[in-house]
Protein backbone atom coordinates (compact mmCIF):
# COMPACT_ATOMS: atom_id res chain seq x y z
CA UNK A 1 -15.46 -3.49 16.47
CA UNK A 2 -14.50 -5.71 13.44
CA UNK A 3 -10.62 -5.81 12.58
CA UNK A 4 -10.09 -4.01 9.32
CA UNK A 5 -6.91 -4.44 7.08
CA UNK A 6 -3.55 -2.80 7.74
CA UNK A 7 -3.68 1.05 6.94
CA UNK A 8 -1.17 2.95 4.66
CA UNK A 9 2.42 3.23 5.57
CA UNK A 10 3.48 5.72 8.08
CA UNK A 11 4.65 9.25 6.69
CA UNK A 12 6.40 12.07 7.98
CA UNK A 13 4.70 15.02 9.27
CA UNK A 14 1.19 14.99 11.26
CA UNK A 15 -0.28 11.46 11.25
CA UNK A 16 -3.00 10.87 8.75
CA UNK A 17 -6.35 10.56 10.28
CA UNK A 18 -7.82 7.09 10.95
CA UNK A 19 -11.27 5.39 10.52
CA UNK A 20 -12.88 2.36 11.86
CA UNK A 21 -15.64 0.51 10.10
CA UNK A 22 -18.36 -1.85 11.52
CA UNK A 23 -19.83 -3.94 8.69
CA UNK A 24 -23.09 -5.68 9.24
CA UNK A 25 -25.50 -7.66 7.05
CA UNK A 26 -25.01 -9.58 3.98
CA UNK A 27 -21.86 -10.10 1.53
CA UNK A 28 -23.52 -7.14 -0.52
CA UNK A 29 -23.09 -4.78 2.19
CA UNK A 30 -19.59 -6.07 2.79
CA UNK A 31 -18.72 -5.02 -0.87
CA UNK A 32 -20.15 -1.66 -0.02
CA UNK A 33 -18.08 -1.39 3.15
CA UNK A 34 -14.89 -2.47 0.99
CA UNK A 35 -15.75 0.31 -1.61
CA UNK A 36 -16.21 3.03 1.16
CA UNK A 37 -12.81 2.04 2.67
CA UNK A 38 -10.90 2.16 -0.72
CA UNK A 39 -12.28 5.55 -1.39
CA UNK A 40 -10.90 6.84 2.17
CA UNK A 41 -7.61 4.99 1.78
CA UNK A 42 -7.17 6.95 -1.35
CA UNK A 43 -7.87 10.21 0.40
CA UNK A 44 -5.03 9.36 2.86
CA UNK A 45 -7.03 7.71 5.92
CA UNK A 46 -5.79 4.76 7.80
CA UNK A 47 -8.21 1.83 8.58
CA UNK A 48 -7.97 0.63 12.07
CA UNK A 49 -9.60 -2.01 14.12
CA UNK A 50 -10.08 -0.64 17.58
CA UNK A 51 -12.36 2.46 18.52
CA UNK A 52 -9.32 4.00 20.64
CA UNK A 53 -7.26 4.37 17.48
CA UNK A 54 -10.24 5.92 15.51
CA UNK A 55 -10.80 9.29 14.52
CA UNK A 56 -14.12 8.33 13.22
CA UNK A 57 -16.31 5.38 13.06
CA UNK A 58 -18.45 4.00 10.14
CA UNK A 59 -21.47 1.71 10.93
CA UNK A 60 -22.82 0.09 7.86
CA UNK A 61 -26.15 -1.20 9.01
CA UNK A 62 -28.69 -3.92 8.04
CA UNK A 63 -32.48 -3.82 8.31
CA UNK A 64 -33.51 -7.01 6.36
CA UNK A 65 -35.10 -8.38 9.63
CA UNK A 66 -36.30 -6.52 12.83
CA UNK A 67 -33.49 -8.65 14.63
CA UNK A 68 -30.95 -7.14 12.26
CA UNK A 69 -32.32 -3.76 12.94
CA UNK A 70 -31.91 -4.12 16.68
CA UNK A 71 -28.30 -5.62 16.02
CA UNK A 72 -27.49 -2.41 14.09
CA UNK A 73 -28.80 -0.21 16.76
CA UNK A 74 -26.66 -1.84 19.34
CA UNK A 75 -23.65 -1.49 17.07
CA UNK A 76 -24.51 2.34 16.66
CA UNK A 77 -24.66 2.53 20.27
CA UNK A 78 -21.41 0.94 20.99
CA UNK A 79 -19.67 3.00 18.32
CA UNK A 80 -21.13 6.22 19.82
CA UNK A 81 -20.21 5.13 23.50
CA UNK A 82 -16.59 5.30 22.15
CA UNK A 83 -16.61 9.08 21.96
CA UNK A 84 -15.77 9.12 18.21
CA UNK A 85 -17.69 10.73 15.66
CA UNK A 86 -20.13 8.12 14.08
CA UNK A 87 -21.31 7.90 10.46
CA UNK A 88 -24.23 5.50 10.03
CA UNK A 89 -24.76 4.14 6.48
CA UNK A 90 -26.51 1.13 4.83
CA UNK A 91 -29.98 -0.10 4.93
CA UNK A 92 -30.87 1.30 8.30
CA UNK A 93 -30.16 4.88 6.91
CA UNK A 94 -33.66 5.11 5.56
CA UNK A 95 -34.86 5.08 9.15
CA UNK A 96 -32.92 8.38 9.98
CA UNK A 97 -35.57 9.86 12.28
CA UNK A 98 -35.64 6.76 14.50
CA UNK A 99 -31.80 6.97 14.59
CA UNK A 100 -31.44 10.74 15.41
CA UNK A 101 -34.26 9.93 18.21
CA UNK A 102 -32.05 7.35 19.84
CA UNK A 103 -28.73 9.05 19.07
CA UNK A 104 -29.27 12.69 18.53
CA UNK A 105 -25.50 13.43 18.58
CA UNK A 106 -24.70 11.19 15.26
CA UNK A 107 -22.28 12.81 12.85
CA UNK A 108 -24.22 11.98 9.76
CA UNK A 109 -26.64 9.31 8.38
CA UNK A 110 -26.84 8.12 4.87
CA UNK A 111 -28.71 5.33 2.87
CA UNK A 112 -27.27 2.24 1.19
CA UNK A 113 -24.56 2.58 -1.47
CA UNK A 114 -24.06 6.39 -0.89
CA UNK A 115 -20.49 6.26 -1.17
CA UNK A 116 -20.17 9.89 -1.81
CA UNK A 117 -22.00 11.05 1.17
CA UNK A 118 -20.15 8.71 3.54
CA UNK A 119 -16.74 10.01 2.24
CA UNK A 120 -18.05 13.46 2.55
CA UNK A 121 -19.11 12.86 6.23
CA UNK A 122 -15.69 11.46 7.32
CA UNK A 123 -13.97 14.44 5.74
CA UNK A 124 -16.21 16.72 7.84
CA UNK A 125 -15.73 14.69 10.93
CA UNK A 126 -11.95 13.89 10.59
CA UNK A 127 -10.53 16.26 8.19
CA UNK A 128 -6.77 15.31 7.21
CA UNK A 129 -4.21 17.65 8.47
CA UNK A 130 -2.51 18.37 5.02
CA UNK A 131 -3.27 17.52 1.40
CA UNK A 132 -0.05 16.35 0.67
CA UNK A 133 -0.44 13.51 3.06
CA UNK A 134 -2.62 11.95 0.51
CA UNK A 135 -0.74 9.01 -1.32
CA UNK A 136 -1.35 7.43 -4.83
CA UNK A 137 -4.79 5.88 -4.69
CA UNK A 138 -4.43 2.34 -3.59
CA UNK A 139 -5.87 -0.94 -5.20
CA UNK A 140 -9.32 -1.79 -4.00
CA UNK A 141 -9.36 -2.60 -0.20
CA UNK A 142 -10.84 -6.05 0.84
CA UNK A 143 -12.24 -6.97 4.07
CA UNK A 144 -12.36 -10.82 3.40
CA UNK A 145 -9.08 -13.05 3.50
CA UNK A 146 -6.75 -12.29 0.51
CA UNK A 147 -7.75 -15.48 -1.22
CA UNK A 148 -11.49 -14.98 -1.80
CA UNK A 149 -13.50 -11.91 -2.56
CA UNK A 150 -17.15 -11.08 -3.18
CA UNK A 151 -17.81 -9.62 -6.72
CA UNK A 152 -21.11 -7.57 -6.90
CA UNK A 153 -22.43 -7.59 -10.11
CA UNK A 154 -25.70 -5.19 -9.74
CA UNK A 155 -27.32 -3.33 -7.13
CA UNK A 156 -31.12 -3.27 -6.20
CA UNK A 157 -33.95 -5.64 -7.24
CA UNK A 158 -37.08 -5.66 -9.24
CA UNK A 159 -38.97 -8.36 -7.20
CA UNK A 160 -41.79 -7.04 -4.73
CA UNK A 161 -41.90 -10.05 -2.37
CA UNK A 162 -44.17 -9.29 0.34
CA UNK A 163 -41.97 -10.10 3.26
CA UNK A 164 -39.11 -8.02 1.75
CA UNK A 165 -37.98 -4.28 1.89
CA UNK A 166 -34.67 -4.46 -0.07
CA UNK A 167 -36.29 -2.64 -3.09
CA UNK A 168 -37.41 0.32 -0.86
CA UNK A 169 -33.99 0.29 0.80
CA UNK A 170 -31.88 -0.33 -2.24
CA UNK A 171 -33.75 0.68 -5.27
CA UNK A 172 -34.57 -1.26 -8.65
CA UNK A 173 -32.17 -3.40 -10.40
CA UNK A 174 -29.06 -1.66 -11.79
CA UNK A 175 -26.66 -3.84 -13.27
CA UNK A 176 -22.93 -3.02 -13.71
CA UNK A 177 -21.48 -3.01 -17.26
CA UNK A 178 -19.81 -6.37 -18.05
CA UNK A 179 -16.42 -5.30 -19.03
CA UNK A 180 -16.42 -3.20 -15.58
CA UNK A 181 -17.34 -6.46 -13.69
CA UNK A 182 -14.87 -8.58 -15.55
CA UNK A 183 -11.98 -6.15 -15.23
CA UNK A 184 -12.36 -5.94 -11.47
CA UNK A 185 -12.34 -9.82 -11.35
CA UNK A 186 -9.26 -10.05 -13.28
CA UNK A 187 -7.63 -7.52 -11.00
CA UNK A 188 -8.72 -9.31 -7.84
CA UNK A 189 -7.23 -12.48 -9.38
CA UNK A 190 -3.97 -10.52 -10.20
CA UNK A 191 -3.72 -9.69 -6.36
CA UNK A 192 -3.79 -13.36 -5.34
CA UNK A 193 -7.64 -13.94 -5.06
CA UNK A 194 -8.37 -17.77 -5.56
CA UNK A 195 -12.11 -17.76 -5.33
CA UNK A 196 -14.83 -15.31 -6.46
CA UNK A 197 -18.19 -15.20 -4.94
CA UNK A 198 -20.58 -13.64 -7.56
CA UNK A 199 -23.38 -11.61 -5.68
CA UNK A 200 -26.38 -9.44 -6.30
CA UNK A 201 -29.85 -9.25 -5.06
CA UNK A 202 -30.83 -11.35 -8.05
CA UNK A 203 -27.90 -12.72 -9.86
CA UNK A 204 -30.04 -14.38 -12.59
CA UNK A 205 -31.51 -11.07 -13.42
CA UNK A 206 -28.00 -9.52 -14.37
CA UNK A 207 -28.27 -7.30 -17.42
CA UNK A 208 -31.97 -7.22 -17.84
CA UNK A 209 -32.39 -3.53 -17.04
CA UNK A 210 -29.52 -2.53 -19.34
CA UNK A 211 -30.77 -4.80 -22.12
CA UNK A 212 -27.71 -6.97 -21.91
CA UNK A 213 -25.55 -4.46 -23.41
CA UNK A 214 -22.15 -5.51 -24.55
CA UNK A 215 -18.54 -4.65 -23.70
CA UNK A 216 -15.12 -5.12 -24.54
CA UNK A 217 -12.61 -7.19 -22.52
CA UNK A 218 -9.54 -9.09 -23.55
CA UNK A 219 -10.06 -7.97 -26.96
CA UNK A 220 -13.53 -9.70 -27.30
CA UNK A 221 -17.16 -8.58 -26.88
CA UNK A 222 -19.27 -9.72 -24.15
CA UNK A 223 -22.80 -9.46 -23.31
CA UNK A 224 -24.23 -8.44 -19.90
CA UNK A 225 -25.78 -11.82 -19.16
CA UNK A 226 -25.23 -14.81 -16.64
CA UNK A 227 -24.12 -16.82 -19.64
CA UNK A 228 -21.49 -14.53 -20.91
CA UNK A 229 -20.35 -13.42 -17.38
CA UNK A 230 -19.71 -16.89 -16.56
CA UNK A 231 -17.88 -17.64 -19.52
CA UNK A 232 -15.64 -14.50 -19.11
CA UNK A 233 -15.02 -15.28 -15.36
CA UNK A 234 -14.15 -18.82 -16.26
CA UNK A 235 -11.15 -17.63 -18.37
CA UNK A 236 -9.51 -16.57 -15.16
CA UNK A 237 -8.70 -19.78 -13.94
CA UNK A 238 -10.02 -19.61 -10.29
CA UNK A 239 -13.08 -20.81 -8.40
CA UNK A 240 -16.14 -18.90 -9.44
CA UNK A 241 -19.21 -19.42 -7.18
CA UNK A 242 -22.61 -18.14 -7.96
CA UNK A 243 -24.75 -16.88 -5.01
CA UNK A 244 -28.47 -15.62 -4.96
CA UNK A 245 -29.52 -17.41 -8.09
CA UNK A 246 -33.19 -17.70 -9.18
CA UNK A 247 -33.89 -20.59 -11.09
CA UNK A 248 -35.00 -18.87 -14.34
CA UNK A 249 -34.81 -21.11 -17.46
CA UNK A 250 -31.79 -19.20 -18.94
CA UNK A 251 -29.87 -20.42 -15.66
CA UNK A 252 -29.91 -23.80 -17.68
CA UNK A 253 -27.18 -22.22 -20.05
CA UNK A 254 -24.66 -22.05 -17.53
CA UNK A 255 -24.89 -25.49 -16.01
CA UNK A 256 -22.75 -27.07 -18.98
CA UNK A 257 -20.12 -24.60 -17.83
CA UNK A 258 -19.90 -26.23 -14.40
CA UNK A 259 -19.87 -29.64 -16.05
CA UNK A 260 -16.66 -28.32 -17.97
CA UNK A 261 -15.22 -27.09 -14.83
CA UNK A 262 -15.23 -23.24 -15.89
CA UNK A 263 -17.09 -22.27 -12.83
CA UNK A 264 -17.86 -24.08 -9.74
CA UNK A 265 -20.85 -26.70 -9.78
CA UNK A 266 -22.47 -24.82 -7.16
CA UNK A 267 -25.92 -22.60 -6.78
CA UNK A 268 -27.17 -20.76 -3.96
CA UNK A 269 -31.00 -20.52 -4.76
CA UNK A 270 -33.39 -18.78 -2.68
CA UNK A 271 -36.26 -20.87 -2.79
CA UNK A 272 -38.01 -19.57 0.45
CA UNK A 273 -40.75 -22.14 0.33
CA UNK A 274 -42.58 -24.69 -1.88
CA UNK A 275 -46.30 -24.49 -1.06
CA UNK A 276 -48.11 -22.59 -4.20
CA UNK A 277 -50.29 -20.91 -1.72
CA UNK A 278 -47.44 -19.58 0.56
CA UNK A 279 -45.45 -18.56 -2.60
CA UNK A 280 -48.41 -16.74 -3.80
CA UNK A 281 -48.73 -14.91 -0.46
CA UNK A 282 -45.03 -14.11 -0.75
CA UNK A 283 -45.36 -12.87 -4.23
CA UNK A 284 -42.87 -15.39 -5.57
CA UNK A 285 -43.23 -17.77 -8.52
CA UNK A 286 -45.06 -20.74 -7.64
CA UNK A 287 -43.91 -23.24 -10.40
CA UNK A 288 -42.08 -25.42 -7.89
CA UNK A 289 -43.01 -28.76 -9.98
CA UNK A 290 -41.09 -27.12 -12.70
CA UNK A 291 -38.11 -26.51 -10.43
CA UNK A 292 -37.85 -29.86 -9.49
CA UNK A 293 -37.67 -31.11 -13.11
CA UNK A 294 -35.09 -28.45 -13.51
CA UNK A 295 -33.06 -29.62 -10.75
CA UNK A 296 -33.15 -33.12 -12.00
CA UNK A 297 -31.98 -31.79 -15.52
CA UNK A 298 -29.00 -29.93 -14.07
CA UNK A 299 -27.84 -32.70 -11.99
CA UNK A 300 -28.06 -34.87 -15.09
CA UNK A 301 -25.73 -32.47 -16.91
CA UNK A 302 -23.43 -31.75 -13.86
CA UNK A 303 -23.56 -34.70 -11.35
CA UNK A 304 -21.40 -32.95 -8.67
CA UNK A 305 -23.67 -29.83 -8.70
CA UNK A 306 -24.21 -28.46 -5.07
CA UNK A 307 -27.45 -26.67 -4.53
CA UNK A 308 -27.86 -24.89 -1.26
CA UNK A 309 -31.05 -22.65 -0.34
CA UNK A 310 -32.76 -20.82 2.53
CA UNK A 311 -36.34 -21.20 3.71
CA UNK A 312 -38.80 -19.60 5.63
CA UNK A 313 -41.45 -21.41 7.85
CA UNK A 314 -44.38 -20.01 9.79
CA UNK A 315 -45.43 -17.45 7.05
CA UNK A 316 -48.58 -15.93 7.62
CA UNK A 317 -51.42 -18.28 6.50
CA UNK A 318 -49.04 -20.99 6.37
CA UNK A 319 -51.02 -24.12 7.26
CA UNK A 320 -49.71 -27.85 8.59
CA UNK A 321 -50.61 -28.86 4.97
CA UNK A 322 -48.31 -26.23 3.61
CA UNK A 323 -45.58 -27.26 5.86
CA UNK A 324 -46.16 -30.91 4.93
CA UNK A 325 -45.99 -30.06 1.33
CA UNK A 326 -42.66 -28.37 1.97
CA UNK A 327 -41.15 -31.44 3.74
CA UNK A 328 -42.28 -33.57 0.71
CA UNK A 329 -40.64 -31.19 -1.68
CA UNK A 330 -37.61 -31.00 0.14
CA UNK A 331 -37.47 -34.94 0.18
CA UNK A 332 -37.65 -34.86 -3.51
CA UNK A 333 -35.54 -32.11 -4.12
CA UNK A 334 -32.54 -33.46 -2.03
CA UNK A 335 -30.83 -30.12 -1.51
CA UNK A 336 -27.13 -30.21 -0.15
CA UNK A 337 -27.24 -27.33 2.04
CA UNK A 338 -30.24 -25.77 3.69
CA UNK A 339 -30.88 -22.95 6.16
CA UNK A 340 -34.48 -22.11 7.71
CA UNK A 341 -35.80 -19.07 9.41
CA UNK A 342 -38.94 -18.58 11.30
CA UNK A 343 -40.84 -15.94 9.74
CA UNK A 344 -40.81 -12.42 11.71
CA UNK A 345 -42.40 -9.14 10.61
CA UNK A 346 -40.08 -6.50 9.10
CA UNK A 347 -40.90 -3.06 9.53
CA UNK A 348 -42.74 -1.83 6.21
CA UNK A 349 -43.19 -5.03 4.59
CA UNK A 350 -46.64 -5.88 3.08
CA UNK A 351 -46.53 -9.09 4.92
CA UNK A 352 -47.11 -7.57 8.08
CA UNK A 353 -50.61 -6.84 7.29
CA UNK A 354 -51.55 -10.47 6.01
CA UNK A 355 -54.08 -12.44 7.89
CA UNK A 356 -53.61 -15.63 10.03
CA UNK A 357 -50.20 -15.03 11.49
CA UNK A 358 -48.81 -18.36 12.76
CA UNK A 359 -48.10 -18.44 16.74
CA UNK A 360 -44.47 -18.24 17.63
CA UNK A 361 -44.27 -21.57 19.09
CA UNK A 362 -45.55 -23.37 16.11
CA UNK A 363 -43.06 -21.34 13.95
CA UNK A 364 -40.37 -22.51 15.92
CA UNK A 365 -41.69 -26.28 16.14
CA UNK A 366 -41.94 -26.14 12.09
CA UNK A 367 -38.43 -24.71 11.93
CA UNK A 368 -37.00 -27.63 14.34
CA UNK A 369 -38.75 -30.21 12.16
CA UNK A 370 -37.48 -28.77 8.86
CA UNK A 371 -33.94 -28.74 10.17
CA UNK A 372 -34.27 -32.34 11.30
CA UNK A 373 -35.44 -33.49 7.87
CA UNK A 374 -32.75 -31.34 5.91
CA UNK A 375 -30.20 -32.60 8.26
CA UNK A 376 -31.02 -36.30 7.58
CA UNK A 377 -30.88 -35.74 3.75
CA UNK A 378 -27.52 -33.74 4.31
CA UNK A 379 -26.06 -36.60 6.16
CA UNK A 380 -26.90 -39.08 3.65
CA UNK A 381 -25.45 -36.80 0.83
CA UNK A 382 -22.33 -36.26 2.51
CA UNK A 383 -21.62 -39.77 3.28
CA UNK A 384 -21.56 -40.51 -0.45
CA UNK A 385 -18.34 -38.41 -0.54
CA UNK A 386 -16.48 -40.94 1.64
CA UNK A 387 -13.26 -42.12 0.00
CA UNK A 388 -13.36 -39.67 -2.66
CA UNK A 389 -10.27 -37.43 -3.77
CA UNK A 390 -11.13 -33.73 -4.15
CA UNK A 391 -9.37 -30.40 -4.15
CA UNK A 392 -9.79 -27.82 -1.30
CA UNK A 393 -9.10 -24.26 -0.55
CA UNK A 394 -7.09 -23.91 2.69
CA UNK A 395 -8.67 -21.01 5.06
CA UNK A 396 -6.90 -21.81 8.12
CA UNK A 397 -3.92 -24.04 9.53
CA UNK A 398 -4.19 -24.42 13.04
CA UNK A 399 -1.17 -25.07 15.52
CA UNK A 400 -2.22 -28.60 16.08
CA UNK A 401 -1.71 -29.23 12.43
CA UNK A 402 -5.24 -29.41 11.32
CA UNK A 403 -6.16 -27.35 8.35
CA UNK A 404 -9.65 -25.86 7.88
CA UNK A 405 -10.56 -25.92 4.27
CA UNK A 406 -13.31 -25.86 1.74
CA UNK A 407 -14.27 -27.84 -0.97
CA UNK A 408 -16.33 -26.99 -4.23
CA UNK A 409 -19.28 -27.50 -2.26
CA UNK A 410 -18.56 -25.05 0.50
CA UNK A 411 -19.02 -21.51 0.35
CA UNK A 412 -17.25 -19.53 3.15
CA UNK A 413 -19.08 -18.89 6.52
CA UNK A 414 -22.57 -20.41 5.41
CA UNK A 415 -21.66 -23.97 4.53
CA UNK A 416 -19.56 -26.74 5.91
CA UNK A 417 -15.76 -27.13 5.93
CA UNK A 418 -13.18 -29.85 5.26
CA UNK A 419 -10.86 -30.48 8.23
CA UNK A 420 -7.45 -31.92 6.89
CA UNK A 421 -5.28 -33.75 9.51
CA UNK A 422 -1.42 -33.75 9.16
CA UNK A 423 -1.64 -30.31 7.14
CA UNK A 424 1.34 -28.35 8.87
CA UNK A 425 2.91 -28.10 5.12
CA UNK A 426 -0.22 -26.51 3.69
CA UNK A 427 -0.62 -22.99 3.34
CA UNK A 428 -3.55 -20.65 3.54
CA UNK A 429 -5.04 -19.49 0.49
CA UNK A 430 -3.65 -22.40 -1.74
CA UNK A 431 -5.38 -25.48 -3.02
CA UNK A 432 -4.59 -28.97 -1.73
CA UNK A 433 -5.66 -32.31 -2.78
CA UNK A 434 -7.40 -34.54 -0.03
CA UNK A 435 -8.99 -37.86 0.53
CA UNK A 436 -12.23 -37.69 2.68
CA UNK A 437 -11.94 -40.25 5.52
CA UNK A 438 -15.22 -39.30 7.49
CA UNK A 439 -18.23 -37.62 7.03
CA UNK A 440 -21.09 -36.11 9.37
CA UNK A 441 -24.10 -33.92 8.29
CA UNK A 442 -22.33 -30.93 7.59
CA UNK A 443 -18.36 -31.39 7.67
CA UNK A 444 -15.81 -33.69 6.26
CA UNK A 445 -12.52 -35.04 7.69
CA UNK A 446 -9.71 -35.85 5.18
CA UNK A 447 -6.08 -36.51 4.75
CA UNK A 448 -3.74 -34.95 2.31
CA UNK A 449 -2.79 -37.00 -0.81
CA UNK A 450 -0.68 -34.64 -3.05
CA UNK A 451 -0.73 -31.59 -5.02
CA UNK A 452 -3.93 -30.28 -6.28
CA UNK A 453 -4.95 -30.71 -10.15
CA UNK A 454 -3.21 -27.85 -12.11
CA UNK A 455 -5.62 -25.06 -12.58
CA UNK A 456 -5.25 -23.73 -15.98
CA UNK A 457 -6.11 -20.23 -17.33
CA UNK A 458 -8.71 -21.12 -20.06
CA UNK A 459 -8.97 -19.23 -23.35
CA UNK A 460 -12.55 -19.35 -24.88
CA UNK A 461 -12.83 -19.11 -28.70
CA UNK A 462 -15.91 -16.79 -29.63
CA UNK A 463 -17.65 -17.63 -32.93
């Protein structure tokens, strides 16, 4: 079971109940886990990292792919084998019948984002001995390291991509009020967070459903749109990294903020493919020529811009010509960070019923060819950083004096890292200035050269 942060202090009288959490899936699900555990901490529950210490176990599941569903079922089985009451939540909660069939003794099953139902189920399964044990509600609990945090700005999605079931699991787009998001971000920074990772199913669509309504923060009025949100987050003086950004035209307006250093020059864009016929079958926008023009324009404004993306090969109906089109597009796009998946059916997805499914061997061959092409591009782009001086954020300092850090181009867990030698004096969660000495396809090696550039809290004048 994943280790959770420390629990509340020991109090006199009967010991408060303890709860463990197994959190699977994407960063958005991790934020859900943080919110659930924060609620339970406010109710006096300790959080523990071992089944033997838990009075109840929560499994936050993922169902995006069939392989993720199997991983979730394995996690439920492991939790139930501990003999503790198990509460299942998250995306697989929509398949309560399947879960009950396999695990008839499950304590409770809820859907994604059903925070109240999860908390109530824990109360039933492991009730607190005395109400007076409940402490003052704590600040929000984090499952990430102290120095970075995911900031979820909306739930759900209005897209109906043929390979995806997220809208059926998490509903349509539901944006959070802008003042609420900015206030949460400010509180995270006050607690020591140095990097905010902005996440949503569709970050670019933020505010569309609430008609970009305004809110008050720091004595000013802000609109619930991507530009104002980026401006506000840019006032906090920390790294702000944008994930799951679709390349809509209004994204153009945040690129100058990257060039000015207000948010990181980094975009995580889920392109998925480039062939117009495949994008049409996926029910995604097929204007990839305009996208290439947009990428070029963005890089002209912000030359340090890093673009990462994920792609799916072997989608039903994908021909060799479609795949060749994708490789040509990738060569022209020159993306910095790339992931690739071989298509697989997802229970309930419309794409399952499409004709001309690609044989598994062909899918795996195309994935290998795609990754070889993307690695060659990445290696060349990384080599351009040789000799450069840059600021990095330290994630770990090993006993051998090597620090594992990340640059502005590296999101945690999904991108590369910077290995810094002679780094025994560096501290986890702090910035350092380094010079790049070696490069490969994904990672950098560096040496410290002095303190980082001073990061100033910025004040934006609104006209």
